[in-house]
Protein backbone atom coordinates (compact mmCIF):
# COMPACT_ATOMS: atom_id res chain seq x y z
CA MET A 1 -13.77 3.62 18.22
CA GLU A 2 -16.75 1.27 18.23
CA ILE A 3 -19.37 1.17 15.51
CA GLU A 4 -22.21 -1.29 15.81
CA THR A 5 -24.05 -2.77 12.89
CA ARG A 6 -26.45 -5.63 12.42
CA ALA A 7 -24.91 -9.07 12.25
CA HIS A 8 -23.05 -9.68 8.99
CA ARG A 9 -21.69 -12.98 7.73
CA VAL A 10 -18.10 -12.81 6.54
CA GLU A 11 -18.93 -14.34 3.18
CA SER A 12 -21.24 -11.37 2.47
CA LEU A 13 -18.21 -9.05 2.56
CA LEU A 14 -16.30 -10.74 -0.25
CA PRO A 15 -18.34 -9.30 -3.17
CA MET A 16 -17.68 -5.80 -1.79
CA LEU A 17 -13.92 -6.41 -1.83
CA GLY A 18 -13.48 -7.84 -5.30
CA GLN A 19 -11.92 -10.97 -6.72
CA GLU A 20 -8.52 -10.38 -5.09
CA ALA A 21 -9.89 -10.90 -1.57
CA VAL A 22 -9.01 -14.31 -0.07
CA LEU A 23 -10.83 -15.75 2.94
CA LEU A 24 -9.13 -17.85 5.58
CA GLY A 25 -11.62 -19.45 7.94
CA SER A 26 -15.35 -19.99 7.76
CA GLY A 27 -17.57 -17.69 5.73
CA ASP A 28 -20.40 -18.37 8.19
CA ILE A 29 -18.67 -16.38 10.96
CA GLU A 30 -20.59 -13.24 11.94
CA PHE A 31 -19.55 -9.85 13.35
CA THR A 32 -21.58 -6.92 14.73
CA LEU A 33 -18.90 -4.35 15.65
CA VAL A 34 -16.16 -2.39 13.88
CA ARG A 35 -13.33 -1.40 16.23
CA ARG A 36 -9.78 -0.04 16.39
CA LEU A 37 -6.96 -2.57 16.72
CA GLU A 38 -6.40 -1.78 20.38
CA ASP A 39 -10.11 -2.20 21.19
CA ALA A 40 -10.71 -5.58 19.55
CA VAL A 41 -13.33 -7.76 21.22
CA GLU A 42 -15.27 -10.84 20.27
CA GLY A 43 -17.67 -10.07 17.44
CA SER A 44 -15.61 -7.18 16.06
CA LEU A 45 -13.97 -6.48 12.69
CA ILE A 46 -10.55 -4.80 12.66
CA TRP A 47 -7.94 -4.05 10.00
CA SER A 48 -4.19 -3.70 9.87
CA LEU A 49 -1.66 -2.19 7.46
CA SER A 50 1.25 -3.85 9.27
CA ASP A 51 4.02 -5.47 7.22
CA SER A 52 5.23 -7.43 10.25
CA VAL A 53 4.36 -11.13 10.31
CA ALA A 54 4.71 -11.18 14.12
CA GLU A 55 2.39 -8.19 14.50
CA VAL A 56 -0.22 -9.68 12.19
CA LYS A 57 -0.10 -12.96 14.10
CA ARG A 58 -0.68 -11.06 17.34
CA ILE A 59 -3.67 -9.31 15.80
CA ILE A 60 -5.15 -12.54 14.47
CA ASP A 61 -4.75 -14.13 17.90
CA SER A 62 -6.59 -11.23 19.56
CA GLU A 63 -10.26 -11.34 20.50
CA ALA A 64 -11.29 -9.91 17.12
CA THR A 65 -13.59 -12.07 15.05
CA VAL A 66 -12.71 -10.69 11.57
CA VAL A 67 -9.32 -9.31 10.53
CA LEU A 68 -8.45 -7.51 7.28
CA CYS A 69 -4.73 -7.66 6.50
CA ARG A 70 -2.18 -7.83 3.69
CA GLU A 71 -1.77 -11.13 1.88
CA SER A 72 1.99 -10.54 1.74
CA VAL A 73 2.46 -10.89 5.52
CA ILE A 74 0.26 -13.87 6.30
CA GLY A 75 2.91 -16.53 5.64
CA ASP A 76 1.76 -19.87 7.03
CA ILE A 77 -0.36 -18.32 9.78
CA GLN A 78 -3.72 -20.03 10.25
CA PRO A 79 -6.56 -18.27 12.08
CA PRO A 80 -7.86 -19.90 15.25
CA ALA A 81 -11.33 -21.42 15.30
CA GLY A 82 -14.03 -18.76 15.28
CA THR A 83 -11.82 -16.17 13.56
CA ALA A 84 -11.92 -15.21 9.91
CA VAL A 85 -9.04 -13.48 8.11
CA ILE A 86 -9.59 -11.66 4.83
CA LEU A 87 -6.43 -11.11 2.79
CA VAL A 88 -6.45 -8.06 0.53
CA PRO A 89 -3.79 -6.06 -1.35
CA ASP A 90 -4.74 -2.82 0.44
CA PRO A 91 -6.49 -3.17 3.84
CA ARG A 92 -7.16 0.57 4.11
CA LEU A 93 -8.96 0.63 0.77
CA ALA A 94 -10.87 -2.53 1.68
CA PHE A 95 -11.89 -0.97 5.00
CA ALA A 96 -13.08 2.20 3.23
CA ARG A 97 -15.26 0.16 0.87
CA LEU A 98 -16.74 -1.88 3.70
CA MET A 99 -17.53 1.22 5.72
CA LYS A 100 -19.30 2.75 2.74
CA GLU A 101 -21.40 -0.37 2.22
CA LEU A 102 -22.16 -1.01 5.89
CA PHE A 103 -22.53 2.51 7.26
CA GLY A 104 -23.06 4.81 4.28
CA GLN A 105 -25.40 7.67 5.09
CA GLU A 106 -28.98 7.29 3.99
CA ARG A 107 -29.39 9.26 0.80
CA VAL A 108 -31.93 12.06 1.05
CA LEU A 109 -32.98 13.36 -2.35
CA GLY A 110 -34.64 16.53 -3.55
CA VAL A 111 -34.48 20.22 -2.71
CA ASP A 112 -34.93 21.33 0.88
CA PRO A 113 -37.72 23.93 1.26
CA ALA A 114 -35.21 26.33 2.83
CA ALA A 115 -32.83 26.15 -0.17
CA HIS A 116 -32.85 28.73 -2.95
CA LEU A 117 -32.50 27.72 -6.61
CA HIS A 118 -32.30 30.07 -9.56
CA GLU A 119 -35.13 29.45 -12.01
CA ARG A 120 -32.55 28.53 -14.66
CA ALA A 121 -30.57 26.15 -12.48
CA SER A 122 -30.32 22.67 -14.00
CA LEU A 123 -30.22 19.62 -11.72
CA GLY A 124 -29.43 16.05 -12.76
CA ASN A 125 -31.12 12.98 -11.35
CA ASP A 126 -30.93 12.03 -7.67
CA CYS A 127 -29.49 15.30 -6.39
CA TRP A 128 -29.91 16.76 -2.90
CA ILE A 129 -29.82 20.48 -2.10
CA GLY A 130 -29.63 21.11 1.65
CA PRO A 131 -31.28 23.80 3.75
CA ARG A 132 -30.20 27.41 3.08
CA ALA A 133 -28.01 26.34 0.19
CA ILE A 134 -27.99 28.77 -2.75
CA VAL A 135 -27.67 27.55 -6.34
CA GLY A 136 -27.48 30.18 -9.09
CA ARG A 137 -27.57 29.64 -12.85
CA CYS A 138 -25.64 26.39 -12.57
CA GLN A 139 -25.59 22.91 -14.06
CA LEU A 140 -25.42 19.92 -11.71
CA GLY A 141 -24.88 16.36 -12.90
CA ASP A 142 -26.49 13.26 -11.46
CA GLY A 143 -26.16 12.39 -7.79
CA CYS A 144 -24.73 15.72 -6.60
CA ARG A 145 -25.08 16.67 -2.93
CA ILE A 146 -24.99 20.32 -1.85
CA GLY A 147 -24.72 20.78 1.91
CA PRO A 148 -26.50 23.30 4.12
CA GLY A 149 -25.46 26.89 3.51
CA ALA A 150 -23.24 26.10 0.52
CA ILE A 151 -23.25 28.69 -2.27
CA LEU A 152 -22.93 27.95 -5.99
CA LEU A 153 -22.84 31.21 -7.91
CA ASP A 154 -23.71 31.65 -11.59
CA GLY A 155 -21.60 29.74 -14.09
CA VAL A 156 -20.74 26.69 -11.95
CA ARG A 157 -20.91 23.33 -13.70
CA LEU A 158 -20.72 20.15 -11.62
CA GLY A 159 -20.14 16.67 -13.00
CA ASN A 160 -21.76 13.58 -11.51
CA ARG A 161 -21.64 12.65 -7.81
CA VAL A 162 -20.00 15.91 -6.72
CA VAL A 163 -20.28 16.59 -2.96
CA VAL A 164 -20.16 20.16 -1.64
CA HIS A 165 -20.08 20.41 2.15
CA PRO A 166 -21.73 23.12 4.31
CA GLY A 167 -20.59 26.68 3.80
CA ALA A 168 -18.40 26.12 0.74
CA VAL A 169 -18.50 28.88 -1.90
CA LEU A 170 -18.05 28.00 -5.57
CA GLY A 171 -17.75 30.40 -8.47
CA LEU A 172 -17.11 33.73 -6.79
CA ASP A 173 -15.07 36.40 -8.57
CA GLY A 174 -11.32 36.05 -8.59
CA PHE A 175 -9.02 38.52 -6.84
CA GLY A 176 -8.04 40.57 -9.89
CA TYR A 177 -7.43 44.33 -10.12
CA ALA A 178 -5.70 46.88 -12.33
CA LEU A 179 -3.99 50.07 -11.18
CA ASP A 180 -5.10 53.35 -12.69
CA PRO A 181 -2.61 56.24 -13.14
CA SER A 182 -3.43 57.58 -9.68
CA GLY A 183 -2.65 54.27 -8.01
CA SER A 184 -6.27 53.34 -7.34
CA LEU A 185 -7.42 49.77 -7.84
CA GLU A 186 -10.01 48.97 -10.49
CA LYS A 187 -11.74 45.61 -10.41
CA ILE A 188 -11.36 43.22 -13.35
CA GLU A 189 -14.71 41.63 -14.06
CA HIS A 190 -14.72 37.83 -14.12
CA VAL A 191 -16.88 36.17 -16.76
CA GLY A 192 -15.25 32.73 -16.90
CA ASP A 193 -16.99 29.69 -15.46
CA LEU A 194 -16.04 27.09 -12.88
CA ASN A 195 -16.06 23.50 -14.15
CA ILE A 196 -15.85 20.64 -11.66
CA GLY A 197 -15.44 17.02 -12.75
CA ASP A 198 -17.10 13.82 -11.57
CA ASP A 199 -16.61 12.57 -8.00
CA VAL A 200 -15.04 15.76 -6.67
CA GLU A 201 -15.59 16.56 -2.98
CA VAL A 202 -15.30 20.10 -1.60
CA PHE A 203 -15.32 20.37 2.19
CA ALA A 204 -16.73 23.00 4.54
CA GLN A 205 -15.96 26.67 3.85
CA ALA A 206 -13.58 25.98 0.99
CA VAL A 207 -13.62 28.61 -1.76
CA ILE A 208 -13.05 28.13 -5.51
CA ALA A 209 -13.03 31.18 -7.82
CA ARG A 210 -14.37 31.34 -11.34
CA GLY A 211 -12.09 32.22 -14.24
CA THR A 212 -11.46 35.69 -15.62
CA LEU A 213 -12.21 34.75 -19.24
CA SER A 214 -11.58 31.00 -19.46
CA PRO A 215 -12.90 28.58 -16.81
CA THR A 216 -11.29 27.43 -13.61
CA TRP A 217 -11.11 23.60 -13.75
CA ILE A 218 -11.17 21.00 -10.99
CA GLY A 219 -10.42 17.50 -12.32
CA ARG A 220 -12.26 14.27 -11.68
CA GLY A 221 -11.90 12.71 -8.24
CA THR A 222 -10.12 15.67 -6.62
CA LYS A 223 -10.76 16.35 -2.91
CA ILE A 224 -10.44 19.87 -1.45
CA ASN A 225 -10.47 20.07 2.33
CA SER A 226 -12.03 22.70 4.58
CA LEU A 227 -10.93 26.35 4.42
CA ALA A 228 -8.81 25.79 1.31
CA HIS A 229 -8.81 28.40 -1.47
CA VAL A 230 -8.33 27.82 -5.20
CA GLY A 231 -7.83 31.00 -7.23
CA HIS A 232 -9.18 32.08 -10.62
CA ASN A 233 -8.02 30.45 -13.87
CA THR A 234 -6.39 27.57 -12.00
CA VAL A 235 -6.47 24.11 -13.59
CA VAL A 236 -6.37 21.21 -11.14
CA GLY A 237 -5.81 17.67 -12.45
CA GLU A 238 -7.47 14.40 -11.48
CA ASP A 239 -7.35 12.73 -8.05
CA VAL A 240 -5.57 15.68 -6.42
CA LEU A 241 -5.69 16.17 -2.64
CA ILE A 242 -5.62 19.75 -1.33
CA GLY A 243 -5.29 19.90 2.43
CA ALA A 244 -7.17 22.04 4.93
CA GLY A 245 -6.32 25.73 4.77
CA ALA A 246 -4.12 25.42 1.69
CA LYS A 247 -3.99 28.39 -0.69
CA VAL A 248 -3.59 27.92 -4.43
CA CYS A 249 -3.31 31.29 -6.12
CA GLY A 250 -4.60 32.16 -9.58
CA SER A 251 -3.51 30.72 -12.93
CA VAL A 252 -1.76 27.69 -11.42
CA GLU A 253 -1.59 24.39 -13.32
CA ILE A 254 -1.61 21.28 -11.14
CA GLY A 255 -1.06 17.80 -12.60
CA ASP A 256 -2.79 14.54 -11.68
CA GLN A 257 -2.49 12.87 -8.26
CA VAL A 258 -0.71 15.80 -6.65
CA ARG A 259 -0.77 16.10 -2.85
CA ILE A 260 -0.80 19.61 -1.34
CA GLY A 261 -0.45 19.60 2.43
CA PRO A 262 -2.52 21.56 4.92
CA ALA A 263 -1.73 25.31 5.08
CA ALA A 264 0.61 25.10 2.07
CA VAL A 265 0.70 28.05 -0.34
CA VAL A 266 1.20 27.92 -4.11
CA ARG A 267 2.11 31.25 -5.74
CA ASP A 268 0.26 32.36 -8.87
CA HIS A 269 1.23 31.33 -12.42
CA LEU A 270 3.16 28.20 -11.35
CA THR A 271 3.08 24.62 -12.61
CA VAL A 272 3.03 21.62 -10.28
CA GLY A 273 3.86 18.34 -12.02
CA SER A 274 1.86 15.16 -11.62
CA ASP A 275 2.50 12.98 -8.54
CA ALA A 276 4.27 15.83 -6.74
CA VAL A 277 3.92 16.23 -2.94
CA LEU A 278 4.04 19.69 -1.33
CA GLY A 279 4.51 19.42 2.42
CA ILE A 280 2.52 20.91 5.29
CA GLY A 281 2.87 24.68 5.44
CA ALA A 282 5.26 24.82 2.49
CA VAL A 283 5.37 27.95 0.33
CA LEU A 284 5.90 27.20 -3.36
CA THR A 285 7.55 30.06 -5.25
CA LYS A 286 8.71 28.30 -8.44
CA ASP A 287 7.58 25.51 -10.76
CA MET A 288 7.65 22.06 -9.14
CA PRO A 289 8.69 19.03 -11.22
CA ALA A 290 6.59 15.88 -11.40
CA GLY A 291 7.12 13.21 -8.77
CA MET A 292 9.06 15.41 -6.35
CA THR A 293 8.47 16.00 -2.63
CA TRP A 294 9.17 19.59 -1.56
CA VAL A 295 8.92 21.15 1.88
CA GLY A 296 9.76 24.43 3.64
CA ASN A 297 9.59 28.17 2.94
CA PRO A 298 10.53 28.71 0.20
CA ALA A 299 9.73 25.13 -0.75
CA GLY A 300 12.50 22.93 -2.08
CA PRO A 301 13.47 19.25 -2.34
CA ARG A 302 13.28 17.36 0.93
CA SER A 303 16.67 16.43 2.39
CA PRO A 304 17.49 12.72 2.03
CA SER A 305 18.17 12.63 5.77
CA ALA A 306 14.73 14.05 6.66
CA SER A 307 12.28 11.68 8.28
């Protein structure tokens, strides 16, 4: 992949990367392209997660002009003339920060004329509401971005810098019914809210239900991918990743920094401990301890011999 930018001097990148970044080579070197490792050319910036000294040396000796790599693998390697190497603890994180600074989307602010806001909706500073988005009686913090066609029903509260992508639906009723003596289903009204913390991102066509009586909670920094569903009364911790198409049923408690793989299913009324990893397509039918990696249907501890 090739992404072109205006010419940047290497020394201008260092403040974006923090005090731990170390530069080998001249800070006056410039680059205008960002490319994949295999597509490196003169004038390009590339990055590597490799732990191999030989591999990193090969990358540094390529045609790339700027290389981001781990400090732990540099050894006594010196970059050739005209090449700059930036040593960082986490090249992927460094790359993400550079991309945000160099290519971050221009921020459009305000309410699109084709959006619909309830008269009692409350918006913080610097928000954007996209075309055909619907915002009910909701509270939005500062810097929130609501994509085209997204729906925020009554009782949704967003923290600061929350991003809701096109077509997502937040705050709809949960899937709750009672059986009458004849066996017919009677709907249980949902009057709980949906509270979403700072820096949460909800991708396209994901759905999060409001609570029955108490709120559904999504913790700070959590990311919920497209087509995922989070049921009513669920409490999701901080910095959780929920993969595309995953289903979290109602009244689940999920700890911090949990990873739920794409198409995984979590049964209702379960607890998932912090730092747990639930694999792709796994079906969780019982409480999952903290720090464990479970896979399969029904989900259980991964075999030590599994790759």
